[in-house]
Amino acid sequence: MAHLLDKIMDMDMARDLIVDKFEDEKFLKKFIKKLNDSVDVPMIGEGTERKVIKAIVLAVVNALKDLDLDDEEKILEKIEEAQPKDEVPTPPTTPELD
């Protein structure tokens, strides 16, 4: 169970790091330029492409900010509650030293 909780905490930390990175204006400009360089929509100009890409990236960052990972924690709590309480974990075996 601890492994799942660690995974959720890692997801929280990863999300926060990604959001922080995209909130850095210098990084955001470089990222949008890279995406814009790799995308070509024949019907619209480069400036419009850049605006659309920036809007999409910012929408993703805002969605990440609003992402509630607490739901996963609640699920973990329910799983832990459902497990038998009298079950004692067996300690890992250690190799014998000669």
Protein backbone atom coordinates (compact mmCIF):
# COMPACT_ATOMS: atom_id res chain seq x y z
CA MET A 1 0.00 0.00 0.00
CA ALA A 2 2.85 2.37 0.80
CA HIS A 3 4.11 1.89 -2.75
CA LEU A 4 0.84 3.27 -4.18
CA LEU A 5 0.93 6.21 -1.80
CA ASP A 6 4.51 6.94 -2.84
CA LYS A 7 3.40 6.83 -6.46
CA ILE A 8 0.65 9.38 -5.81
CA MET A 9 3.08 11.63 -3.96
CA ASP A 10 5.47 11.32 -6.90
CA MET A 11 2.64 12.29 -9.27
CA ASP A 12 1.88 15.34 -7.13
CA MET A 13 5.53 16.36 -7.12
CA ALA A 14 5.90 15.78 -10.86
CA ARG A 15 2.78 17.83 -11.58
CA ASP A 16 4.04 20.68 -9.41
CA LEU A 17 7.46 20.64 -11.11
CA ILE A 18 5.89 20.70 -14.57
CA VAL A 19 3.53 23.54 -13.65
CA ASP A 20 6.40 25.53 -12.11
CA LYS A 21 8.48 25.03 -15.25
CA PHE A 22 5.69 26.21 -17.55
CA GLU A 23 5.04 29.23 -15.35
CA ASP A 24 8.61 30.33 -16.08
CA GLU A 25 8.06 32.80 -18.96
CA LYS A 26 11.48 32.10 -20.52
CA PHE A 27 10.85 28.34 -20.65
CA LEU A 28 7.29 28.88 -21.93
CA LYS A 29 8.51 31.05 -24.82
CA LYS A 30 11.17 28.48 -25.82
CA PHE A 31 8.68 25.61 -25.59
CA ILE A 32 6.07 27.41 -27.68
CA LYS A 33 8.70 28.35 -30.27
CA LYS A 34 9.82 24.70 -30.54
CA LEU A 35 6.23 23.53 -30.99
CA ASN A 36 5.47 26.30 -33.47
CA ASP A 37 8.56 25.42 -35.51
CA SER A 38 7.36 21.82 -35.79
CA VAL A 39 3.75 22.67 -36.70
CA ASP A 40 2.60 24.11 -40.00
CA VAL A 41 -1.05 24.88 -40.57
CA PRO A 42 -1.29 26.12 -44.18
CA MET A 43 -4.43 28.21 -43.65
CA ILE A 44 -3.09 30.42 -40.85
CA GLY A 45 0.05 32.47 -40.33
CA GLU A 46 2.89 31.81 -37.91
CA GLY A 47 1.68 34.46 -35.46
CA THR A 48 -1.75 32.89 -35.24
CA GLU A 49 -0.22 29.41 -34.88
CA ARG A 50 1.91 30.72 -32.00
CA LYS A 51 -1.16 32.20 -30.27
CA VAL A 52 -3.14 28.96 -30.67
CA ILE A 53 -0.25 26.83 -29.41
CA LYS A 54 0.26 29.14 -26.42
CA ALA A 55 -3.45 28.99 -25.59
CA ILE A 56 -3.41 25.17 -25.74
CA VAL A 57 -0.26 24.91 -23.59
CA LEU A 58 -1.68 27.31 -20.99
CA ALA A 59 -4.97 25.40 -20.95
CA VAL A 60 -3.04 22.17 -20.24
CA VAL A 61 -1.03 23.86 -17.47
CA ASN A 62 -4.23 25.22 -15.89
CA ALA A 63 -5.83 21.79 -16.10
CA LEU A 64 -2.77 20.31 -14.36
CA LYS A 65 -3.04 22.95 -11.63
CA ASP A 66 -6.69 22.08 -11.06
CA LEU A 67 -6.08 18.33 -11.18
CA ASP A 68 -7.17 16.86 -7.86
CA LEU A 69 -5.03 13.90 -6.91
CA ASP A 70 -6.82 13.64 -3.56
CA ASP A 71 -9.30 11.26 -5.18
CA GLU A 72 -6.53 8.70 -5.54
CA GLU A 73 -5.64 9.15 -1.86
CA LYS A 74 -9.27 8.51 -0.88
CA ILE A 75 -9.24 5.33 -2.98
CA LEU A 76 -6.06 4.21 -1.22
CA GLU A 77 -7.65 4.81 2.18
CA LYS A 78 -10.63 2.65 1.20
CA ILE A 79 -8.32 -0.12 0.00
CA GLU A 80 -6.37 0.00 3.26
CA GLU A 81 -9.61 -0.11 5.27
CA ALA A 82 -10.77 -3.15 3.31
CA GLN A 83 -7.64 -5.16 4.11
CA PRO A 84 -7.73 -7.49 7.13
CA LYS A 85 -6.32 -5.82 10.24
CA ASP A 86 -4.92 -8.98 11.83
CA GLU A 87 -2.63 -9.69 8.90
CA VAL A 88 0.98 -9.22 9.99
CA PRO A 89 3.48 -8.68 7.20
CA THR A 90 6.33 -11.18 7.15
CA PRO A 91 9.78 -9.64 7.35
CA PRO A 92 12.02 -10.12 4.33
CA THR A 93 14.42 -13.02 4.55
CA THR A 94 18.09 -12.21 4.83
CA PRO A 95 20.80 -14.40 3.39
CA GLU A 96 22.82 -16.33 5.92
CA LEU A 97 26.40 -15.29 6.32
CA ASP A 98 29.03 -18.05 6.53
